[in-house]
N, C-alpha and C. Protein backbone atom coordinates (compact mmCIF):
# COMPACT_ATOMS: atom_id res chain seq x y z
N MET A 1 21.75 -122.97 -73.93
CA MET A 1 20.37 -122.96 -73.32
C MET A 1 20.14 -121.65 -72.54
N ARG A 2 18.88 -121.25 -72.70
CA ARG A 2 18.55 -119.92 -71.98
C ARG A 2 17.78 -120.25 -70.59
N LEU A 3 18.29 -119.60 -69.75
CA LEU A 3 17.77 -119.86 -68.50
C LEU A 3 17.32 -118.48 -67.64
N SER A 4 16.27 -118.68 -66.82
CA SER A 4 15.86 -117.47 -66.24
C SER A 4 15.43 -117.92 -64.95
N ALA A 5 15.82 -117.10 -63.81
CA ALA A 5 15.49 -117.36 -62.38
C ALA A 5 14.61 -116.10 -62.01
N THR A 6 13.59 -116.16 -61.06
CA THR A 6 12.93 -114.98 -60.78
C THR A 6 12.61 -115.14 -59.36
N SER A 7 12.18 -113.92 -58.72
CA SER A 7 12.03 -113.92 -57.32
C SER A 7 10.91 -112.97 -57.12
N LYS A 8 9.71 -113.28 -56.60
CA LYS A 8 8.73 -112.44 -56.29
C LYS A 8 8.78 -112.04 -54.67
N VAL A 9 9.37 -111.05 -54.45
CA VAL A 9 9.61 -110.68 -53.01
C VAL A 9 8.99 -109.46 -52.60
N SER A 10 8.56 -109.32 -51.30
CA SER A 10 8.01 -108.12 -50.75
C SER A 10 8.29 -108.06 -49.39
N PRO A 11 9.03 -106.99 -48.92
CA PRO A 11 9.36 -106.92 -47.44
C PRO A 11 8.03 -106.67 -46.62
N THR A 12 6.86 -106.37 -47.42
CA THR A 12 5.68 -106.06 -46.60
C THR A 12 4.65 -107.26 -46.29
N THR A 13 5.06 -108.29 -47.07
CA THR A 13 4.02 -109.51 -46.96
C THR A 13 5.03 -110.74 -46.26
N THR A 14 4.15 -111.62 -46.09
CA THR A 14 4.71 -112.78 -45.37
C THR A 14 4.95 -113.94 -46.32
N ARG A 15 4.88 -113.94 -47.61
CA ARG A 15 5.09 -114.98 -48.47
C ARG A 15 6.06 -114.58 -49.65
N ASP A 16 7.03 -115.17 -49.86
CA ASP A 16 7.80 -114.89 -51.11
C ASP A 16 8.00 -116.11 -51.81
N CYS A 17 8.36 -115.96 -53.06
CA CYS A 17 8.56 -117.16 -54.11
C CYS A 17 9.69 -116.89 -55.02
N SER A 18 10.33 -117.99 -55.38
CA SER A 18 11.35 -117.85 -56.43
C SER A 18 11.36 -119.12 -57.26
N GLY A 19 11.54 -119.00 -58.64
CA GLY A 19 11.52 -120.18 -59.34
C GLY A 19 12.62 -120.16 -60.56
N SER A 20 12.95 -121.09 -61.03
CA SER A 20 14.00 -121.15 -62.21
C SER A 20 13.47 -121.92 -63.48
N CYS A 21 13.60 -121.51 -64.72
CA CYS A 21 13.00 -122.00 -65.63
C CYS A 21 14.02 -122.15 -66.78
N HIS A 22 13.73 -122.88 -67.96
CA HIS A 22 14.48 -122.85 -69.08
C HIS A 22 13.57 -122.94 -70.31
N LEU A 23 14.06 -122.64 -71.49
CA LEU A 23 13.21 -122.77 -72.59
C LEU A 23 13.86 -124.01 -73.51
N ASP A 24 12.76 -124.96 -73.61
CA ASP A 24 13.05 -126.19 -74.62
C ASP A 24 12.10 -126.01 -75.80
N ASP A 25 13.04 -125.78 -76.86
CA ASP A 25 12.26 -125.35 -78.07
C ASP A 25 11.28 -124.20 -77.77
N ASP A 26 9.94 -124.48 -77.85
CA ASP A 26 8.95 -123.45 -77.53
C ASP A 26 8.32 -123.54 -76.19
N THR A 27 8.85 -124.38 -75.33
CA THR A 27 8.02 -124.79 -74.25
C THR A 27 8.96 -124.25 -72.94
N VAL A 28 8.28 -123.67 -72.03
CA VAL A 28 8.81 -123.06 -70.90
C VAL A 28 8.90 -124.23 -69.97
N VAL A 29 9.92 -124.64 -69.43
CA VAL A 29 10.11 -125.71 -68.38
C VAL A 29 10.66 -125.29 -67.08
N LEU A 30 9.65 -125.38 -66.07
CA LEU A 30 9.85 -124.95 -64.67
C LEU A 30 10.72 -126.02 -63.99
N ASP A 31 11.97 -125.65 -63.71
CA ASP A 31 12.94 -126.53 -63.08
C ASP A 31 12.80 -126.71 -61.64
N ARG A 32 12.59 -125.53 -61.11
CA ARG A 32 12.54 -125.45 -59.67
C ARG A 32 11.57 -124.31 -59.16
N ILE A 33 11.03 -124.36 -57.95
CA ILE A 33 10.26 -123.43 -57.56
C ILE A 33 10.27 -123.54 -55.79
N ASN A 34 10.32 -122.54 -55.12
CA ASN A 34 10.53 -122.54 -53.70
C ASN A 34 9.66 -121.35 -53.12
N THR A 35 8.81 -121.66 -52.01
CA THR A 35 8.11 -120.55 -51.31
C THR A 35 8.51 -120.61 -49.84
N TRP A 36 8.63 -119.24 -49.45
CA TRP A 36 8.98 -119.13 -48.11
C TRP A 36 7.63 -118.38 -47.56
N THR A 37 7.34 -118.99 -46.29
CA THR A 37 6.07 -118.29 -45.60
C THR A 37 6.47 -117.80 -44.35
N GLY A 38 6.16 -116.61 -43.97
CA GLY A 38 6.58 -116.03 -42.71
C GLY A 38 5.11 -115.50 -42.01
N THR A 39 5.48 -114.68 -41.06
CA THR A 39 4.31 -114.11 -40.35
C THR A 39 4.66 -112.72 -40.18
N SER A 40 3.80 -111.93 -39.77
CA SER A 40 4.03 -110.40 -39.51
C SER A 40 4.94 -110.20 -38.41
N GLU A 41 5.09 -111.05 -37.61
CA GLU A 41 6.06 -110.87 -36.43
C GLU A 41 7.52 -111.62 -36.86
N HIS A 42 7.55 -112.64 -37.74
CA HIS A 42 8.57 -113.12 -38.33
C HIS A 42 8.46 -113.35 -39.75
N PRO A 43 8.88 -112.22 -40.52
CA PRO A 43 8.75 -112.31 -41.96
C PRO A 43 9.82 -113.23 -42.57
N VAL A 44 9.74 -113.48 -43.79
CA VAL A 44 10.46 -114.16 -44.65
C VAL A 44 11.84 -113.36 -44.62
N GLN A 45 13.05 -114.19 -44.49
CA GLN A 45 14.19 -113.46 -44.60
C GLN A 45 14.84 -113.35 -45.94
N ILE A 46 15.01 -112.22 -46.41
CA ILE A 46 15.45 -111.93 -47.88
C ILE A 46 16.71 -112.65 -48.02
N SER A 47 17.61 -112.84 -46.98
CA SER A 47 18.76 -113.66 -47.07
C SER A 47 18.66 -115.02 -47.59
N ASP A 48 17.56 -115.68 -46.97
CA ASP A 48 17.23 -116.91 -47.48
C ASP A 48 16.88 -117.11 -49.01
N VAL A 49 16.05 -115.98 -49.41
CA VAL A 49 15.85 -115.98 -50.85
C VAL A 49 17.09 -115.65 -51.63
N GLU A 50 17.88 -115.01 -51.21
CA GLU A 50 19.15 -114.60 -51.74
C GLU A 50 20.00 -115.83 -52.04
N THR A 51 20.10 -116.67 -51.11
CA THR A 51 21.03 -117.91 -50.90
C THR A 51 20.33 -118.78 -51.90
N TRP A 52 18.92 -119.00 -52.05
CA TRP A 52 18.35 -119.84 -52.97
C TRP A 52 18.69 -119.45 -54.39
N LEU A 53 18.55 -118.03 -54.79
CA LEU A 53 18.94 -117.57 -55.93
C LEU A 53 20.34 -117.77 -56.37
N THR A 54 21.21 -117.58 -55.41
CA THR A 54 22.65 -117.96 -55.66
C THR A 54 22.97 -119.33 -56.07
N GLN A 55 22.19 -120.14 -55.37
CA GLN A 55 22.43 -121.69 -55.48
C GLN A 55 21.91 -121.98 -57.07
N ALA A 56 20.78 -121.47 -57.25
CA ALA A 56 20.07 -121.60 -58.59
C ALA A 56 21.06 -120.98 -59.79
N SER A 57 21.61 -119.89 -59.39
CA SER A 57 22.57 -119.23 -60.48
C SER A 57 23.81 -120.36 -60.77
N ALA A 58 24.32 -120.84 -59.55
CA ALA A 58 25.50 -121.72 -59.73
C ALA A 58 24.99 -123.08 -60.50
N THR A 59 23.93 -123.45 -60.22
CA THR A 59 23.46 -124.79 -60.77
C THR A 59 23.13 -124.69 -62.23
N TYR A 60 22.56 -123.63 -62.57
CA TYR A 60 22.04 -123.46 -63.94
C TYR A 60 22.77 -122.33 -64.66
N HIS A 61 23.89 -122.00 -64.35
CA HIS A 61 24.78 -121.08 -64.95
C HIS A 61 24.84 -121.18 -66.40
N PRO A 62 24.78 -120.18 -67.26
CA PRO A 62 24.40 -118.89 -66.93
C PRO A 62 22.91 -118.72 -66.70
N VAL A 63 22.50 -117.61 -65.68
CA VAL A 63 21.05 -117.46 -65.56
C VAL A 63 20.89 -115.99 -65.49
N THR A 64 19.74 -115.62 -65.82
CA THR A 64 19.24 -114.11 -65.57
C THR A 64 18.32 -114.18 -64.53
N VAL A 65 18.54 -113.28 -63.44
CA VAL A 65 17.47 -113.17 -62.39
C VAL A 65 16.72 -112.04 -62.57
N ILE A 66 15.26 -112.29 -62.57
CA ILE A 66 14.36 -111.10 -62.85
C ILE A 66 13.72 -110.76 -61.61
N LEU A 67 13.97 -109.47 -61.24
CA LEU A 67 13.27 -108.81 -60.01
C LEU A 67 12.53 -107.66 -60.22
N ASP A 68 11.65 -107.26 -59.15
CA ASP A 68 11.00 -106.13 -59.28
C ASP A 68 11.81 -105.12 -58.44
N PRO A 69 12.38 -104.20 -59.07
CA PRO A 69 13.35 -103.22 -58.52
C PRO A 69 12.81 -102.48 -57.27
N TRP A 70 11.43 -102.29 -57.24
CA TRP A 70 10.93 -101.64 -56.14
C TRP A 70 11.01 -102.33 -54.89
N GLN A 71 10.64 -103.71 -54.83
CA GLN A 71 10.70 -104.51 -53.80
C GLN A 71 12.02 -105.11 -53.41
N ALA A 72 12.82 -105.25 -54.37
CA ALA A 72 14.04 -106.12 -54.21
C ALA A 72 15.45 -105.29 -54.65
N ILE A 73 15.45 -103.98 -54.49
CA ILE A 73 16.67 -103.40 -54.96
C ILE A 73 17.97 -103.85 -54.18
N GLY A 74 17.91 -104.04 -52.94
CA GLY A 74 19.04 -104.53 -52.25
C GLY A 74 19.48 -105.86 -52.58
N LEU A 75 18.44 -106.68 -52.63
CA LEU A 75 18.79 -108.08 -53.33
C LEU A 75 19.48 -107.92 -54.54
N ALA A 76 18.91 -107.10 -55.46
CA ALA A 76 19.61 -107.05 -56.86
C ALA A 76 20.92 -106.53 -56.78
N GLN A 77 21.18 -105.62 -55.86
CA GLN A 77 22.74 -105.22 -55.75
C GLN A 77 23.60 -106.17 -55.23
N ARG A 78 23.20 -106.96 -54.21
CA ARG A 78 23.99 -108.11 -53.70
C ARG A 78 24.21 -109.08 -54.72
N LEU A 79 23.33 -109.45 -55.47
CA LEU A 79 23.50 -110.49 -56.49
C LEU A 79 24.35 -109.99 -57.52
N LYS A 80 24.22 -108.69 -58.13
CA LYS A 80 25.03 -108.05 -59.06
C LYS A 80 26.57 -108.14 -58.62
N ARG A 81 26.75 -107.83 -57.21
CA ARG A 81 28.22 -107.87 -56.70
C ARG A 81 28.76 -109.29 -56.67
N ARG A 82 27.94 -110.34 -56.91
CA ARG A 82 28.40 -111.76 -56.96
C ARG A 82 28.53 -112.08 -58.64
N ARG A 83 28.46 -111.11 -59.24
CA ARG A 83 28.52 -111.35 -60.86
C ARG A 83 27.27 -112.16 -61.30
N ILE A 84 26.16 -112.15 -60.72
CA ILE A 84 24.99 -112.75 -61.16
C ILE A 84 24.21 -111.75 -62.05
N ARG A 85 23.79 -112.15 -63.28
CA ARG A 85 23.11 -111.09 -64.11
C ARG A 85 21.72 -110.88 -63.59
N VAL A 86 21.31 -109.61 -63.38
CA VAL A 86 19.94 -109.40 -62.87
C VAL A 86 19.37 -108.33 -63.80
N GLU A 87 18.15 -108.67 -64.06
CA GLU A 87 17.15 -107.65 -64.90
C GLU A 87 16.21 -107.24 -64.05
N GLU A 88 15.75 -106.01 -64.20
CA GLU A 88 14.67 -105.49 -63.36
C GLU A 88 13.37 -105.64 -64.27
N TYR A 89 12.24 -105.90 -63.54
CA TYR A 89 10.99 -105.85 -64.08
C TYR A 89 9.95 -105.08 -63.28
N THR A 90 9.74 -103.71 -63.96
CA THR A 90 8.87 -103.03 -63.18
C THR A 90 7.58 -103.25 -63.24
N PHE A 91 6.74 -103.52 -62.13
CA PHE A 91 5.40 -103.77 -62.23
C PHE A 91 4.53 -102.53 -62.32
N SER A 92 3.63 -102.62 -63.42
CA SER A 92 2.67 -101.60 -63.83
C SER A 92 1.46 -102.20 -64.39
N ALA A 93 0.43 -101.59 -64.62
CA ALA A 93 -0.64 -102.32 -65.18
C ALA A 93 -0.46 -102.97 -66.46
N PRO A 94 0.37 -102.21 -67.35
CA PRO A 94 0.53 -102.99 -68.65
C PRO A 94 1.59 -104.30 -68.35
N SER A 95 2.50 -104.17 -67.50
CA SER A 95 3.48 -105.14 -67.50
C SER A 95 2.82 -106.39 -66.66
N VAL A 96 2.03 -106.01 -65.79
CA VAL A 96 1.20 -107.17 -64.97
C VAL A 96 0.31 -107.84 -65.99
N GLY A 97 -0.30 -107.22 -66.90
CA GLY A 97 -1.15 -107.66 -67.78
C GLY A 97 -0.36 -108.65 -68.80
N ARG A 98 0.97 -108.34 -69.09
CA ARG A 98 1.80 -109.13 -69.94
C ARG A 98 2.13 -110.41 -69.15
N LEU A 99 2.30 -110.18 -67.93
CA LEU A 99 2.56 -111.65 -67.20
C LEU A 99 1.40 -112.57 -67.14
N ALA A 100 0.23 -111.83 -66.91
CA ALA A 100 -0.95 -112.73 -66.67
C ALA A 100 -1.20 -113.37 -68.18
N THR A 101 -1.20 -112.57 -69.30
CA THR A 101 -1.58 -113.22 -70.75
C THR A 101 -0.63 -114.20 -71.01
N THR A 102 0.65 -113.95 -70.47
CA THR A 102 1.85 -115.04 -70.96
C THR A 102 1.36 -116.39 -70.32
N VAL A 103 1.09 -116.31 -69.02
CA VAL A 103 0.79 -117.64 -68.35
C VAL A 103 -0.32 -118.20 -68.98
N HIS A 104 -1.35 -117.40 -69.00
CA HIS A 104 -2.60 -117.85 -69.83
C HIS A 104 -2.36 -118.72 -71.12
N LEU A 105 -1.67 -117.80 -71.94
CA LEU A 105 -1.33 -118.44 -73.38
C LEU A 105 -0.57 -119.72 -73.11
N LEU A 106 0.52 -119.79 -72.40
CA LEU A 106 1.38 -120.90 -72.35
C LEU A 106 0.58 -122.04 -71.77
N LEU A 107 -0.33 -121.84 -70.83
CA LEU A 107 -1.24 -123.03 -70.36
C LEU A 107 -2.22 -123.46 -71.35
N ARG A 108 -2.75 -122.48 -71.99
CA ARG A 108 -3.69 -122.89 -73.17
C ARG A 108 -3.16 -123.52 -74.11
N GLU A 109 -1.75 -123.23 -74.55
CA GLU A 109 -1.22 -123.94 -75.66
C GLU A 109 -0.31 -125.03 -75.19
N HIS A 110 -0.44 -125.51 -73.86
CA HIS A 110 0.30 -126.65 -73.69
C HIS A 110 1.76 -126.39 -73.89
N ARG A 111 2.32 -125.26 -73.55
CA ARG A 111 3.70 -124.88 -73.79
C ARG A 111 4.51 -124.65 -72.29
N LEU A 112 3.85 -125.29 -71.42
CA LEU A 112 4.43 -125.09 -70.11
C LEU A 112 4.68 -126.41 -69.34
N ALA A 113 5.91 -126.72 -69.01
CA ALA A 113 6.09 -128.06 -68.34
C ALA A 113 6.49 -127.84 -66.96
N LEU A 114 5.60 -128.37 -66.22
CA LEU A 114 5.46 -128.15 -64.79
C LEU A 114 5.75 -129.48 -63.90
N PRO A 115 6.37 -129.28 -62.75
CA PRO A 115 6.60 -130.49 -61.89
C PRO A 115 5.39 -130.88 -61.27
N GLN A 116 5.27 -131.99 -60.67
CA GLN A 116 4.11 -132.51 -59.98
C GLN A 116 4.15 -132.08 -58.54
N ASP A 117 3.87 -130.67 -58.44
CA ASP A 117 3.86 -130.02 -57.22
C ASP A 117 2.56 -129.60 -56.96
N ALA A 118 1.80 -130.26 -55.77
CA ALA A 118 0.45 -130.14 -55.62
C ALA A 118 0.29 -128.58 -55.34
N GLN A 119 0.94 -127.93 -54.37
CA GLN A 119 0.75 -126.42 -54.04
C GLN A 119 0.79 -125.67 -55.20
N LEU A 120 1.82 -125.65 -56.12
CA LEU A 120 1.89 -125.04 -57.54
C LEU A 120 0.67 -125.17 -58.35
N LEU A 121 0.34 -126.60 -58.56
CA LEU A 121 -0.83 -126.87 -59.48
C LEU A 121 -2.09 -126.27 -58.96
N ASP A 122 -2.31 -126.39 -57.57
CA ASP A 122 -3.54 -125.81 -56.87
C ASP A 122 -3.61 -124.17 -57.22
N GLU A 123 -2.41 -123.57 -56.97
CA GLU A 123 -2.38 -122.09 -57.15
C GLU A 123 -2.74 -121.78 -58.58
N LEU A 124 -2.21 -122.60 -59.49
CA LEU A 124 -2.37 -122.14 -61.00
C LEU A 124 -3.82 -122.44 -61.27
N ALA A 125 -4.43 -123.60 -60.73
CA ALA A 125 -5.96 -123.72 -61.07
C ALA A 125 -6.93 -122.75 -60.39
N ASN A 126 -6.38 -121.99 -59.42
CA ASN A 126 -7.21 -120.92 -58.85
C ASN A 126 -6.87 -119.58 -59.12
N VAL A 127 -5.87 -119.41 -60.09
CA VAL A 127 -5.68 -118.06 -60.52
C VAL A 127 -6.50 -117.76 -61.78
N ARG A 128 -6.91 -116.60 -62.07
CA ARG A 128 -7.73 -116.37 -63.26
C ARG A 128 -7.30 -114.93 -63.87
N LEU A 129 -7.51 -114.96 -65.17
CA LEU A 129 -7.16 -113.87 -65.94
C LEU A 129 -8.61 -112.83 -65.88
N ARG A 130 -8.37 -111.63 -65.36
CA ARG A 130 -9.40 -110.64 -65.20
C ARG A 130 -9.07 -109.40 -65.92
N GLU A 131 -10.06 -109.07 -66.79
CA GLU A 131 -9.95 -107.72 -67.40
C GLU A 131 -10.48 -106.70 -66.49
N THR A 132 -9.45 -105.72 -66.23
CA THR A 132 -9.74 -104.66 -65.22
C THR A 132 -10.44 -103.45 -65.87
N SER A 133 -9.99 -103.09 -67.17
CA SER A 133 -10.55 -102.21 -68.04
C SER A 133 -10.22 -102.66 -69.56
N PRO A 134 -11.09 -101.99 -70.45
CA PRO A 134 -10.86 -102.57 -71.71
C PRO A 134 -9.45 -102.85 -72.19
N GLY A 135 -9.12 -104.12 -72.56
CA GLY A 135 -7.70 -104.36 -72.95
C GLY A 135 -6.67 -104.42 -71.85
N VAL A 136 -7.07 -104.22 -70.62
CA VAL A 136 -6.08 -104.50 -69.52
C VAL A 136 -6.32 -105.68 -68.63
N TYR A 137 -5.36 -106.38 -68.53
CA TYR A 137 -5.70 -107.77 -67.75
C TYR A 137 -4.72 -107.76 -66.60
N ARG A 138 -5.15 -108.57 -65.69
CA ARG A 138 -4.20 -109.02 -64.70
C ARG A 138 -4.56 -110.41 -64.04
N MET A 139 -3.67 -110.96 -63.25
CA MET A 139 -3.96 -112.32 -62.70
C MET A 139 -4.67 -112.00 -61.41
N ASP A 140 -5.64 -112.70 -61.23
CA ASP A 140 -6.43 -112.40 -59.90
C ASP A 140 -6.64 -113.76 -59.17
N HIS A 141 -7.01 -113.74 -57.79
CA HIS A 141 -7.29 -114.93 -57.01
C HIS A 141 -8.25 -114.52 -55.94
N ASP A 142 -8.60 -115.55 -55.42
CA ASP A 142 -9.73 -115.39 -54.17
C ASP A 142 -8.80 -114.82 -53.09
N PRO A 143 -9.51 -114.19 -52.12
CA PRO A 143 -8.74 -113.65 -50.91
C PRO A 143 -8.17 -114.73 -50.10
N ASP A 144 -8.55 -115.95 -50.11
CA ASP A 144 -7.88 -116.94 -49.21
C ASP A 144 -6.87 -117.75 -50.09
N LYS A 145 -6.51 -117.40 -51.24
CA LYS A 145 -5.66 -118.01 -52.10
C LYS A 145 -4.42 -117.15 -52.35
N HIS A 146 -3.35 -117.61 -53.11
CA HIS A 146 -2.27 -117.01 -53.35
C HIS A 146 -2.04 -116.94 -54.82
N ASP A 147 -0.93 -115.99 -55.46
CA ASP A 147 -0.74 -116.00 -56.87
C ASP A 147 1.01 -115.93 -56.83
N ASP A 148 1.61 -115.93 -55.63
CA ASP A 148 3.08 -115.67 -55.61
C ASP A 148 3.79 -116.66 -56.63
N GLN A 149 3.43 -117.97 -56.61
CA GLN A 149 4.22 -118.87 -57.49
C GLN A 149 3.94 -118.58 -59.03
N ALA A 150 2.66 -118.41 -59.18
CA ALA A 150 2.17 -117.93 -60.52
C ALA A 150 2.93 -116.69 -61.17
N ILE A 151 3.20 -115.74 -60.11
CA ILE A 151 3.80 -114.63 -60.65
C ILE A 151 5.34 -114.77 -60.93
N ALA A 152 6.04 -115.58 -60.06
CA ALA A 152 7.24 -115.82 -60.27
C ALA A 152 7.52 -116.84 -61.56
N LEU A 153 6.55 -117.52 -61.77
CA LEU A 153 6.62 -118.44 -62.98
C LEU A 153 6.47 -117.60 -64.26
N ALA A 154 5.56 -116.37 -64.15
CA ALA A 154 5.20 -115.76 -65.24
C ALA A 154 6.33 -114.88 -65.49
N LEU A 155 6.97 -114.27 -64.53
CA LEU A 155 8.22 -113.44 -64.70
C LEU A 155 9.14 -114.19 -65.54
N ALA A 156 9.55 -115.45 -65.18
CA ALA A 156 10.62 -116.21 -65.78
C ALA A 156 10.32 -116.52 -67.23
N ALA A 157 9.05 -117.09 -67.39
CA ALA A 157 8.33 -117.31 -68.77
C ALA A 157 8.41 -116.08 -69.71
N ASN A 158 7.94 -115.11 -69.25
CA ASN A 158 7.88 -113.80 -70.08
C ASN A 158 9.30 -113.44 -70.53
N HIS A 159 10.23 -113.58 -69.68
CA HIS A 159 11.57 -113.15 -70.07
C HIS A 159 12.05 -114.21 -70.90
N LEU A 160 11.75 -115.38 -70.89
CA LEU A 160 12.39 -116.48 -71.86
C LEU A 160 11.73 -116.22 -73.28
N ILE A 161 10.34 -116.12 -73.34
CA ILE A 161 9.75 -116.12 -74.81
C ILE A 161 9.79 -114.63 -75.37
N THR A 162 10.11 -113.67 -74.67
CA THR A 162 10.20 -112.26 -75.21
C THR A 162 11.63 -111.81 -75.51
N ARG A 163 12.47 -112.42 -75.01
CA ARG A 163 13.90 -112.02 -75.26
C ARG A 163 14.54 -112.81 -76.39
N PRO A 164 14.98 -112.40 -77.43
CA PRO A 164 15.77 -113.18 -78.53
C PRO A 164 17.05 -113.72 -77.94
N GLU A 165 17.27 -114.97 -78.32
CA GLU A 165 18.43 -115.64 -77.85
C GLU A 165 19.61 -114.95 -78.56
N LYS A 166 20.73 -114.85 -77.63
CA LYS A 166 21.90 -114.25 -78.09
C LYS A 166 22.69 -115.42 -78.82
N ARG A 167 23.11 -115.09 -80.07
CA ARG A 167 24.08 -116.12 -80.63
C ARG A 167 25.52 -116.01 -80.20
N GLN A 168 25.95 -117.31 -80.12
CA GLN A 168 27.46 -117.60 -79.69
C GLN A 168 28.15 -117.49 -80.76
N TRP A 169 29.07 -116.47 -81.01
CA TRP A 169 30.00 -116.58 -82.17
C TRP A 169 31.03 -117.20 -81.98
N ARG A 170 31.67 -117.98 -82.98
CA ARG A 170 32.91 -118.49 -82.64
C ARG A 170 34.00 -118.09 -83.77
N ALA A 171 35.18 -117.65 -83.43
CA ALA A 171 36.17 -117.38 -84.49
C ALA A 171 37.04 -118.58 -84.75
N TYR A 172 37.27 -118.93 -86.05
CA TYR A 172 38.09 -120.06 -86.37
C TYR A 172 39.30 -119.37 -87.13
């Protein structure tokens, strides 16, 4: 089974999110998601996010953690020292567009299995696909809403559906 855990972290914001997913045939299944909310005076502690990802890795081993290297390089280095597989996902206009269209298509094709989480479902209902220039898309939301869970879900889903599964070879 292929598993992916993601974390949308930013030391300059007050809301971080991590999630773990697996692929069941062609359906992305969201197993767990967690959101941490801080304030400018008391920001989210990255060590809390690290603990969550470490526990997810132990529970769903083997797992690949997908992180933005610009925002979470220290977290990535610590996870790698714990022998947790980490892949970097650099955010750019094209890569953000891939995340947005991935979630959009999975939702439209009913290939996304989600838990009954009111906060997550509200967030997904309020994000939209916006074309910023011809052929360039991004996930957008109203100023009073968030997209952190949608981004964490998109990172995991994109990783699972775009990476071919490695075959396990056995010698007889």
